[in-house]
Amino acid sequence: MFDQWMFKYSRVYKDAAEKEMRFTIFKNNAQLVEVFSRGENKEFNLTLNKFADLTDAEFRKFNTSYSKSTKAYFPAMSMTNNDTFFKYTNLESVPNSIDWRDKGAMCGFLGFQVRGSCYAFSAVAAVEGITYIKQGKLISLSEQEIIDCSMTMVATRVACRMSLVSYKKAMILPQKQTILTLANKPGSVAVDSSNFRFRFYSGGVFNAEYGTQCDHAITIVGYGANGNGDKYWILKNSWGTGWGEGGYGYFIRDVADPQGICGIATDASFPII
């Protein structure tokens, strides 16, 4: 099983000792997935994806980067009438479901991701979406330019090849306004991805136990409900098509916790152009 997984994900280890170490980690993760799969909760599924040979610490080091401290640089803005392109202006008028993929507002997935760059991928996907909505053009924008010019990269003397001509702030909204804004455009949210169920999620409506210590940025591209009446958010991850359902996830929407599933309602931001 491990050799098949290695072949599928093109894993090559430097020596037998490293392979044995990774095999041990793989077995531990496989046991977590197997125990979950034998349980009663069948509303969503798990699989041993490309993260199966990583420890929790390694996974979080290489695949998460969101921090609440970054909000200090981007003061929250309340929704105002200046955002005049809104088609839906009150909760009573929003449709029962919306999926910006179906409307052609989402670009595809890249085959790679720079370590700790989820914030860039999440924001760029949202901006690509609003650009399509306003201009009718689906343009693939550069995450790398954001990464190169971010504060952390500039601080380490990575060359910033662009200059800032102008900028717009994003609206950072509470949960009650998120669905209204999402009916008009995709956005960016923060989530807690530390649970192994999040890491190995492969489809269905995610409704597991969760934390709210957000460590990962992800794009929110719609909402809807399944045949069982479960209402969900539609999320586009930056981890490639091997996560979730072709790179997308469906996460339960109606939960008692005001912070939302995995903290999804704690920091929802939407671009303005």
C-alpha atoms as a PDB file:
ATOM      1  CA  MET A   1       0.000   0.000   0.000  1.00  0.00           C
ATOM      2  CA  PHE A   2       2.781   2.434   0.893  1.00  0.00           C
ATOM      3  CA  ASP A   3       4.723   1.686  -2.297  1.00  0.00           C
ATOM      4  CA  GLN A   4       1.592   2.341  -4.353  1.00  0.00           C
ATOM      5  CA  TRP A   5       1.080   5.624  -2.539  1.00  0.00           C
ATOM      6  CA  MET A   6       4.733   6.575  -3.150  1.00  0.00           C
ATOM      7  CA  PHE A   7       4.328   5.886  -6.862  1.00  0.00           C
ATOM      8  CA  LYS A   8       1.100   7.896  -7.081  1.00  0.00           C
ATOM      9  CA  TYR A   9       2.652  10.953  -5.428  1.00  0.00           C
ATOM     10  CA  SER A  10       6.158  10.561  -6.906  1.00  0.00           C
ATOM     11  CA  ARG A  11       7.832  10.193  -3.524  1.00  0.00           C
ATOM     12  CA  VAL A  12      11.555   9.405  -3.513  1.00  0.00           C
ATOM     13  CA  TYR A  13      13.418   9.238  -0.196  1.00  0.00           C
ATOM     14  CA  LYS A  14      17.146   9.731   0.201  1.00  0.00           C
ATOM     15  CA  ASP A  15      17.805   6.380   1.892  1.00  0.00           C
ATOM     16  CA  ALA A  16      16.202   3.365   3.539  1.00  0.00           C
ATOM     17  CA  ALA A  17      16.202   5.033   6.952  1.00  0.00           C
ATOM     18  CA  GLU A  18      14.142   7.972   5.732  1.00  0.00           C
ATOM     19  CA  LYS A  19      11.766   5.641   3.915  1.00  0.00           C
ATOM     20  CA  GLU A  20      11.237   3.649   7.102  1.00  0.00           C
ATOM     21  CA  MET A  21      10.577   6.837   9.071  1.00  0.00           C
ATOM     22  CA  ARG A  22       8.043   8.037   6.499  1.00  0.00           C
ATOM     23  CA  PHE A  23       6.423   4.610   6.439  1.00  0.00           C
ATOM     24  CA  THR A  24       5.883   4.793  10.195  1.00  0.00           C
ATOM     25  CA  ILE A  25       4.241   8.204   9.849  1.00  0.00           C
ATOM     26  CA  PHE A  26       2.151   6.902   6.956  1.00  0.00           C
ATOM     27  CA  LYS A  27       0.915   3.968   9.046  1.00  0.00           C
ATOM     28  CA  ASN A  28      -0.091   6.284  11.879  1.00  0.00           C
ATOM     29  CA  ASN A  29      -2.061   8.493   9.506  1.00  0.00           C
ATOM     30  CA  ALA A  30      -3.583   5.459   7.800  1.00  0.00           C
ATOM     31  CA  GLN A  31      -4.849   4.236  11.159  1.00  0.00           C
ATOM     32  CA  LEU A  32      -6.541   7.592  11.821  1.00  0.00           C
ATOM     33  CA  VAL A  33      -8.292   7.449   8.455  1.00  0.00           C
ATOM     34  CA  GLU A  34      -9.289   3.810   8.907  1.00  0.00           C
ATOM     35  CA  VAL A  35     -10.772   4.356  12.377  1.00  0.00           C
ATOM     36  CA  PHE A  36     -12.741   7.333  11.105  1.00  0.00           C
ATOM     37  CA  SER A  37     -13.998   5.388   8.081  1.00  0.00           C
ATOM     38  CA  ARG A  38     -15.306   2.619  10.343  1.00  0.00           C
ATOM     39  CA  GLY A  39     -17.289   5.121  12.410  1.00  0.00           C
ATOM     40  CA  GLU A  40     -20.915   6.096  12.103  1.00  0.00           C
ATOM     41  CA  ASN A  41     -20.349   9.510  10.526  1.00  0.00           C
ATOM     42  CA  LYS A  42     -20.613   8.929   6.792  1.00  0.00           C
ATOM     43  CA  GLU A  43     -21.550  12.450   5.769  1.00  0.00           C
ATOM     44  CA  PHE A  44     -18.007  13.067   4.552  1.00  0.00           C
ATOM     45  CA  ASN A  45     -15.011  10.956   3.594  1.00  0.00           C
ATOM     46  CA  LEU A  46     -11.269  10.864   4.195  1.00  0.00           C
ATOM     47  CA  THR A  47      -8.430   9.556   2.054  1.00  0.00           C
ATOM     48  CA  LEU A  48      -4.657   9.218   2.287  1.00  0.00           C
ATOM     49  CA  ASN A  49      -3.693  12.146   0.093  1.00  0.00           C
ATOM     50  CA  LYS A  50      -0.283  13.729  -0.555  1.00  0.00           C
ATOM     51  CA  PHE A  51       0.071  14.704   3.119  1.00  0.00           C
ATOM     52  CA  ALA A  52       0.015  11.116   4.395  1.00  0.00           C
ATOM     53  CA  ASP A  53       3.768  10.873   5.076  1.00  0.00           C
ATOM     54  CA  LEU A  54       3.945  14.120   7.076  1.00  0.00           C
ATOM     55  CA  THR A  55       3.725  14.601  10.822  1.00  0.00           C
ATOM     56  CA  ASP A  56       1.287  17.187  12.162  1.00  0.00           C
ATOM     57  CA  ALA A  57       4.153  19.606  12.765  1.00  0.00           C
ATOM     58  CA  GLU A  58       5.517  19.182   9.236  1.00  0.00           C
ATOM     59  CA  PHE A  59       2.100  19.570   7.686  1.00  0.00           C
ATOM     60  CA  ARG A  60       1.384  22.808   9.504  1.00  0.00           C
ATOM     61  CA  LYS A  61       4.862  24.184   8.833  1.00  0.00           C
ATOM     62  CA  PHE A  62       4.629  23.730   5.067  1.00  0.00           C
ATOM     63  CA  ASN A  63       0.923  24.179   4.348  1.00  0.00           C
ATOM     64  CA  THR A  64      -0.440  26.850   6.681  1.00  0.00           C
ATOM     65  CA  SER A  65       0.521  30.489   7.191  1.00  0.00           C
ATOM     66  CA  TYR A  66      -2.485  32.491   8.368  1.00  0.00           C
ATOM     67  CA  SER A  67      -2.117  34.433  11.609  1.00  0.00           C
ATOM     68  CA  LYS A  68      -4.503  36.781  13.369  1.00  0.00           C
ATOM     69  CA  SER A  69      -1.600  39.205  13.812  1.00  0.00           C
ATOM     70  CA  THR A  70      -1.768  40.049  10.114  1.00  0.00           C
ATOM     71  CA  LYS A  71      -5.118  41.775  10.672  1.00  0.00           C
ATOM     72  CA  ALA A  72      -3.311  44.671  12.333  1.00  0.00           C
ATOM     73  CA  TYR A  73      -2.122  45.752   8.889  1.00  0.00           C
ATOM     74  CA  PHE A  74      -5.604  45.652   7.359  1.00  0.00           C
ATOM     75  CA  PRO A  75      -8.213  47.530   9.445  1.00  0.00           C
ATOM     76  CA  ALA A  76     -11.742  46.170   9.130  1.00  0.00           C
ATOM     77  CA  MET A  77     -14.213  48.026   6.926  1.00  0.00           C
ATOM     78  CA  SER A  78     -17.954  47.805   7.259  1.00  0.00           C
ATOM     79  CA  MET A  79     -20.081  47.271   4.167  1.00  0.00           C
ATOM     80  CA  THR A  80     -21.102  50.605   2.648  1.00  0.00           C
ATOM     81  CA  ASN A  81     -23.095  51.857  -0.302  1.00  0.00           C
ATOM     82  CA  ASN A  82     -19.836  52.633  -2.090  1.00  0.00           C
ATOM     83  CA  ASP A  83     -19.782  49.027  -3.293  1.00  0.00           C
ATOM     84  CA  THR A  84     -22.511  49.826  -5.805  1.00  0.00           C
ATOM     85  CA  PHE A  85     -22.306  46.751  -8.016  1.00  0.00           C
ATOM     86  CA  PHE A  86     -24.137  44.597  -5.452  1.00  0.00           C
ATOM     87  CA  LYS A  87     -27.014  42.764  -7.132  1.00  0.00           C
ATOM     88  CA  TYR A  88     -28.365  41.509  -3.805  1.00  0.00           C
ATOM     89  CA  THR A  89     -28.654  44.103  -1.048  1.00  0.00           C
ATOM     90  CA  ASN A  90     -30.532  42.291   1.728  1.00  0.00           C
ATOM     91  CA  LEU A  91     -30.712  38.775   3.111  1.00  0.00           C
ATOM     92  CA  GLU A  92     -34.281  38.293   1.906  1.00  0.00           C
ATOM     93  CA  SER A  93     -33.232  38.732  -1.724  1.00  0.00           C
ATOM     94  CA  VAL A  94     -30.253  36.364  -1.880  1.00  0.00           C
ATOM     95  CA  PRO A  95     -30.679  33.096  -3.823  1.00  0.00           C
ATOM     96  CA  ASN A  96     -30.898  29.770  -1.977  1.00  0.00           C
ATOM     97  CA  SER A  97     -27.557  28.746  -3.459  1.00  0.00           C
ATOM     98  CA  ILE A  98     -24.739  30.197  -5.493  1.00  0.00           C
ATOM     99  CA  ASP A  99     -21.561  28.679  -6.910  1.00  0.00           C
ATOM    100  CA  TRP A 100     -19.113  31.031  -8.578  1.00  0.00           C
ATOM    101  CA  ARG A 101     -17.511  28.084 -10.369  1.00  0.00           C
ATOM    102  CA  ASP A 102     -20.712  27.555 -12.348  1.00  0.00           C
ATOM    103  CA  LYS A 103     -20.669  31.220 -13.322  1.00  0.00           C
ATOM    104  CA  GLY A 104     -17.149  30.929 -14.747  1.00  0.00           C
ATOM    105  CA  ALA A 105     -15.493  33.091 -12.103  1.00  0.00           C
ATOM    106  CA  MET A 106     -12.861  30.611 -10.876  1.00  0.00           C
ATOM    107  CA  CYS A 107      -9.475  29.846 -12.447  1.00  0.00           C
ATOM    108  CA  GLY A 108      -7.927  26.380 -12.215  1.00  0.00           C
ATOM    109  CA  PHE A 109      -5.340  25.035  -9.791  1.00  0.00           C
ATOM    110  CA  LEU A 110      -1.573  25.403  -9.993  1.00  0.00           C
ATOM    111  CA  GLY A 111       0.553  22.297  -9.697  1.00  0.00           C
ATOM    112  CA  PHE A 112       2.609  23.736  -6.838  1.00  0.00           C
ATOM    113  CA  GLN A 113       2.396  25.988  -3.802  1.00  0.00           C
ATOM    114  CA  VAL A 114       5.150  27.977  -2.142  1.00  0.00           C
ATOM    115  CA  ARG A 115       5.550  27.177   1.543  1.00  0.00           C
ATOM    116  CA  GLY A 116       3.357  29.341   3.766  1.00  0.00           C
ATOM    117  CA  SER A 117       1.602  31.042   0.842  1.00  0.00           C
ATOM    118  CA  CYS A 118      -2.049  30.165   1.473  1.00  0.00           C
ATOM    119  CA  TYR A 119      -2.887  33.825   2.138  1.00  0.00           C
ATOM    120  CA  ALA A 120      -1.769  34.771  -1.375  1.00  0.00           C
ATOM    121  CA  PHE A 121      -3.653  31.950  -3.110  1.00  0.00           C
ATOM    122  CA  SER A 122      -6.822  32.676  -1.155  1.00  0.00           C
ATOM    123  CA  ALA A 123      -6.761  36.403  -1.894  1.00  0.00           C
ATOM    124  CA  VAL A 124      -5.810  36.036  -5.560  1.00  0.00           C
ATOM    125  CA  ALA A 125      -8.643  33.583  -6.255  1.00  0.00           C
ATOM    126  CA  ALA A 126     -11.121  36.055  -4.747  1.00  0.00           C
ATOM    127  CA  VAL A 127      -9.730  38.930  -6.823  1.00  0.00           C
ATOM    128  CA  GLU A 128      -9.806  36.790  -9.988  1.00  0.00           C
ATOM    129  CA  GLY A 129     -13.465  36.159  -9.251  1.00  0.00           C
ATOM    130  CA  ILE A 130     -14.476  39.775  -8.737  1.00  0.00           C
ATOM    131  CA  THR A 131     -12.476  40.803 -11.823  1.00  0.00           C
ATOM    132  CA  TYR A 132     -14.529  38.367 -13.882  1.00  0.00           C
ATOM    133  CA  ILE A 133     -17.794  39.573 -12.335  1.00  0.00           C
ATOM    134  CA  LYS A 134     -17.059  43.244 -13.019  1.00  0.00           C
ATOM    135  CA  GLN A 135     -15.129  43.025 -16.300  1.00  0.00           C
ATOM    136  CA  GLY A 136     -16.295  39.750 -17.842  1.00  0.00           C
ATOM    137  CA  LYS A 137     -12.703  38.528 -18.161  1.00  0.00           C
ATOM    138  CA  LEU A 138     -11.267  35.536 -16.306  1.00  0.00           C
ATOM    139  CA  ILE A 139      -7.631  36.489 -15.827  1.00  0.00           C
ATOM    140  CA  SER A 140      -5.147  34.284 -13.971  1.00  0.00           C
ATOM    141  CA  LEU A 141      -3.293  36.594 -11.592  1.00  0.00           C
ATOM    142  CA  SER A 142       0.097  36.066  -9.953  1.00  0.00           C
ATOM    143  CA  GLU A 143       0.304  34.734  -6.413  1.00  0.00           C
ATOM    144  CA  GLN A 144       4.082  34.946  -6.661  1.00  0.00           C
ATOM    145  CA  GLU A 145       4.030  38.738  -6.934  1.00  0.00           C
ATOM    146  CA  ILE A 146       2.109  38.953  -3.658  1.00  0.00           C
ATOM    147  CA  ILE A 147       4.478  36.495  -1.988  1.00  0.00           C
ATOM    148  CA  ASP A 148       7.574  38.358  -3.187  1.00  0.00           C
ATOM    149  CA  CYS A 149       6.215  41.686  -1.969  1.00  0.00           C
ATOM    150  CA  SER A 150       4.723  40.560   1.324  1.00  0.00           C
ATOM    151  CA  MET A 151       6.173  41.861   4.574  1.00  0.00           C
ATOM    152  CA  THR A 152       7.698  38.544   5.594  1.00  0.00           C
ATOM    153  CA  MET A 153       9.436  37.995   2.279  1.00  0.00           C
ATOM    154  CA  VAL A 154      10.661  41.578   1.975  1.00  0.00           C
ATOM    155  CA  ALA A 155      12.033  41.268   5.493  1.00  0.00           C
ATOM    156  CA  THR A 156      14.141  38.313   4.354  1.00  0.00           C
ATOM    157  CA  ARG A 157      15.403  40.328   1.375  1.00  0.00           C
ATOM    158  CA  VAL A 158      13.562  38.435  -1.333  1.00  0.00           C
ATOM    159  CA  ALA A 159      13.370  40.772  -4.304  1.00  0.00           C
ATOM    160  CA  CYS A 160      10.054  42.555  -4.808  1.00  0.00           C
ATOM    161  CA  ARG A 161       9.850  43.050  -8.554  1.00  0.00           C
ATOM    162  CA  MET A 162       6.766  45.273  -8.516  1.00  0.00           C
ATOM    163  CA  SER A 163       5.904  48.716  -7.184  1.00  0.00           C
ATOM    164  CA  LEU A 164       2.558  49.585  -5.594  1.00  0.00           C
ATOM    165  CA  VAL A 165       0.612  52.076  -7.703  1.00  0.00           C
ATOM    166  CA  SER A 166      -2.649  51.971  -5.752  1.00  0.00           C
ATOM    167  CA  TYR A 167      -4.575  49.656  -3.488  1.00  0.00           C
ATOM    168  CA  LYS A 168      -8.017  48.873  -2.153  1.00  0.00           C
ATOM    169  CA  LYS A 169      -8.871  47.562   1.285  1.00  0.00           C
ATOM    170  CA  ALA A 170     -11.024  44.493   1.735  1.00  0.00           C
ATOM    171  CA  MET A 171     -14.246  44.345   3.698  1.00  0.00           C
ATOM    172  CA  ILE A 172     -13.860  42.113   6.762  1.00  0.00           C
ATOM    173  CA  LEU A 173     -17.335  40.958   7.667  1.00  0.00           C
ATOM    174  CA  PRO A 174     -19.106  39.147  10.506  1.00  0.00           C
ATOM    175  CA  GLN A 175     -21.024  35.950   9.794  1.00  0.00           C
ATOM    176  CA  LYS A 176     -24.415  37.601   9.304  1.00  0.00           C
ATOM    177  CA  GLN A 177     -23.118  39.631   6.357  1.00  0.00           C
ATOM    178  CA  THR A 178     -20.933  36.932   4.815  1.00  0.00           C
ATOM    179  CA  ILE A 179     -23.733  35.162   2.960  1.00  0.00           C
ATOM    180  CA  LEU A 180     -25.067  38.449   1.575  1.00  0.00           C
ATOM    181  CA  THR A 181     -21.661  39.455   0.284  1.00  0.00           C
ATOM    182  CA  LEU A 182     -20.910  35.956  -1.014  1.00  0.00           C
ATOM    183  CA  ALA A 183     -24.058  36.117  -3.130  1.00  0.00           C
ATOM    184  CA  ASN A 184     -22.354  38.971  -4.967  1.00  0.00           C
ATOM    185  CA  LYS A 185     -18.729  37.813  -5.125  1.00  0.00           C
ATOM    186  CA  PRO A 186     -16.262  35.233  -3.766  1.00  0.00           C
ATOM    187  CA  GLY A 187     -14.054  36.041  -0.795  1.00  0.00           C
ATOM    188  CA  SER A 188     -11.304  34.852   1.519  1.00  0.00           C
ATOM    189  CA  VAL A 189     -11.780  33.217   4.921  1.00  0.00           C
ATOM    190  CA  ALA A 190      -9.551  31.854   7.665  1.00  0.00           C
ATOM    191  CA  VAL A 191      -9.993  28.315   9.004  1.00  0.00           C
ATOM    192  CA  ASP A 192      -8.489  25.968  11.559  1.00  0.00           C
ATOM    193  CA  SER A 193      -6.936  23.159   9.494  1.00  0.00           C
ATOM    194  CA  SER A 194      -5.135  21.395  12.358  1.00  0.00           C
ATOM    195  CA  ASN A 195      -7.631  18.515  12.629  1.00  0.00           C
ATOM    196  CA  PHE A 196      -6.533  15.418  10.686  1.00  0.00           C
ATOM    197  CA  ARG A 197     -10.056  15.201   9.277  1.00  0.00           C
ATOM    198  CA  PHE A 198      -9.513  18.528   7.522  1.00  0.00           C
ATOM    199  CA  ARG A 199      -6.151  17.449   6.160  1.00  0.00           C
ATOM    200  CA  PHE A 200      -7.421  14.177   4.690  1.00  0.00           C
ATOM    201  CA  TYR A 201     -10.919  15.353   3.720  1.00  0.00           C
ATOM    202  CA  SER A 202     -11.978  13.929   0.358  1.00  0.00           C
ATOM    203  CA  GLY A 203     -15.648  14.819  -0.102  1.00  0.00           C
ATOM    204  CA  GLY A 204     -19.109  15.134   1.396  1.00  0.00           C
ATOM    205  CA  VAL A 205     -20.298  17.775   3.864  1.00  0.00           C
ATOM    206  CA  PHE A 206     -17.624  18.278   6.526  1.00  0.00           C
ATOM    207  CA  ASN A 207     -19.216  18.438   9.974  1.00  0.00           C
ATOM    208  CA  ALA A 208     -16.582  17.015  12.334  1.00  0.00           C
ATOM    209  CA  GLU A 209     -15.293  18.306  15.640  1.00  0.00           C
ATOM    210  CA  TYR A 210     -13.125  21.320  15.005  1.00  0.00           C
ATOM    211  CA  GLY A 211     -10.970  24.020  16.507  1.00  0.00           C
ATOM    212  CA  THR A 212     -11.163  27.761  15.925  1.00  0.00           C
ATOM    213  CA  GLN A 213      -7.464  28.683  16.146  1.00  0.00           C
ATOM    214  CA  CYS A 214      -7.299  29.710  12.507  1.00  0.00           C
ATOM    215  CA  ASP A 215      -4.043  28.840  10.751  1.00  0.00           C
ATOM    216  CA  HIS A 216      -4.995  28.617   7.077  1.00  0.00           C
ATOM    217  CA  ALA A 217      -6.491  30.969   4.475  1.00  0.00           C
ATOM    218  CA  ILE A 218      -8.903  29.600   1.906  1.00  0.00           C
ATOM    219  CA  THR A 219     -11.278  30.989  -0.738  1.00  0.00           C
ATOM    220  CA  ILE A 220     -15.034  30.874  -0.194  1.00  0.00           C
ATOM    221  CA  VAL A 221     -16.788  30.520  -3.557  1.00  0.00           C
ATOM    222  CA  GLY A 222     -20.416  29.753  -2.760  1.00  0.00           C
ATOM    223  CA  TYR A 223     -23.037  28.152  -0.585  1.00  0.00           C
ATOM    224  CA  GLY A 224     -25.889  25.681  -0.992  1.00  0.00           C
ATOM    225  CA  ALA A 225     -27.564  22.578   0.436  1.00  0.00           C
ATOM    226  CA  ASN A 226     -27.570  18.857  -0.341  1.00  0.00           C
ATOM    227  CA  GLY A 227     -30.462  16.433  -0.667  1.00  0.00           C
ATOM    228  CA  ASN A 228     -30.517  15.855   3.083  1.00  0.00           C
ATOM    229  CA  GLY A 229     -31.067  19.536   3.720  1.00  0.00           C
ATOM    230  CA  ASP A 230     -27.553  20.108   5.057  1.00  0.00           C
ATOM    231  CA  LYS A 231     -26.553  23.687   4.302  1.00  0.00           C
ATOM    232  CA  TYR A 232     -22.886  24.213   3.426  1.00  0.00           C
ATOM    233  CA  TRP A 233     -20.215  26.655   2.369  1.00  0.00           C
ATOM    234  CA  ILE A 234     -18.193  25.883  -0.784  1.00  0.00           C
ATOM    235  CA  LEU A 235     -14.451  26.371  -0.289  1.00  0.00           C
ATOM    236  CA  LYS A 236     -11.583  26.396  -2.773  1.00  0.00           C
ATOM    237  CA  ASN A 237      -8.339  25.235  -1.193  1.00  0.00           C
ATOM    238  CA  SER A 238      -4.812  25.919  -2.430  1.00  0.00           C
ATOM    239  CA  TRP A 239      -3.641  22.332  -1.857  1.00  0.00           C
ATOM    240  CA  GLY A 240      -4.434  21.121  -5.361  1.00  0.00           C
ATOM    241  CA  THR A 241      -7.052  18.795  -6.818  1.00  0.00           C
ATOM    242  CA  GLY A 242      -6.015  15.866  -4.599  1.00  0.00           C
ATOM    243  CA  TRP A 243      -7.722  17.449  -1.586  1.00  0.00           C
ATOM    244  CA  GLY A 244     -11.498  17.361  -1.179  1.00  0.00           C
ATOM    245  CA  GLU A 245     -13.572  17.044  -4.331  1.00  0.00           C
ATOM    246  CA  GLY A 246     -11.184  18.199  -7.029  1.00  0.00           C
ATOM    247  CA  GLY A 247      -9.671  20.812  -4.733  1.00  0.00           C
ATOM    248  CA  TYR A 248     -12.986  22.049  -3.313  1.00  0.00           C
ATOM    249  CA  GLY A 249     -14.686  21.367   0.019  1.00  0.00           C
ATOM    250  CA  TYR A 250     -18.227  21.520   1.362  1.00  0.00           C
ATOM    251  CA  PHE A 251     -18.369  22.599   5.010  1.00  0.00           C
ATOM    252  CA  ILE A 252     -21.502  22.659   7.163  1.00  0.00           C
ATOM    253  CA  ARG A 253     -23.016  26.140   7.354  1.00  0.00           C
ATOM    254  CA  ASP A 254     -25.576  26.139  10.152  1.00  0.00           C
ATOM    255  CA  VAL A 255     -23.733  25.545  13.426  1.00  0.00           C
ATOM    256  CA  ALA A 256     -24.509  26.939  16.869  1.00  0.00           C
ATOM    257  CA  ASP A 257     -20.988  28.294  17.309  1.00  0.00           C
ATOM    258  CA  PRO A 258     -20.958  31.933  16.081  1.00  0.00           C
ATOM    259  CA  GLN A 259     -17.371  31.387  14.916  1.00  0.00           C
ATOM    260  CA  GLY A 260     -18.614  28.827  12.414  1.00  0.00           C
ATOM    261  CA  ILE A 261     -17.201  25.454  11.408  1.00  0.00           C
ATOM    262  CA  CYS A 262     -13.400  25.508  11.810  1.00  0.00           C
ATOM    263  CA  GLY A 263     -13.619  29.214  12.685  1.00  0.00           C
ATOM    264  CA  ILE A 264     -14.787  30.086   9.177  1.00  0.00           C
ATOM    265  CA  ALA A 265     -16.833  33.067  10.396  1.00  0.00           C
ATOM    266  CA  THR A 266     -14.050  34.715  12.390  1.00  0.00           C
ATOM    267  CA  ASP A 267     -12.319  36.530   9.531  1.00  0.00           C
ATOM    268  CA  ALA A 268     -14.192  36.640   6.221  1.00  0.00           C
ATOM    269  CA  SER A 269     -12.814  39.231   3.787  1.00  0.00           C
ATOM    270  CA  PHE A 270     -14.103  40.273   0.368  1.00  0.00           C
ATOM    271  CA  PRO A 271     -12.230  42.315  -2.261  1.00  0.00           C
ATOM    272  CA  ILE A 272     -13.365  45.665  -3.603  1.00  0.00           C
ATOM    273  CA  ILE A 273     -12.190  46.873  -7.015  1.00  0.00           C
END
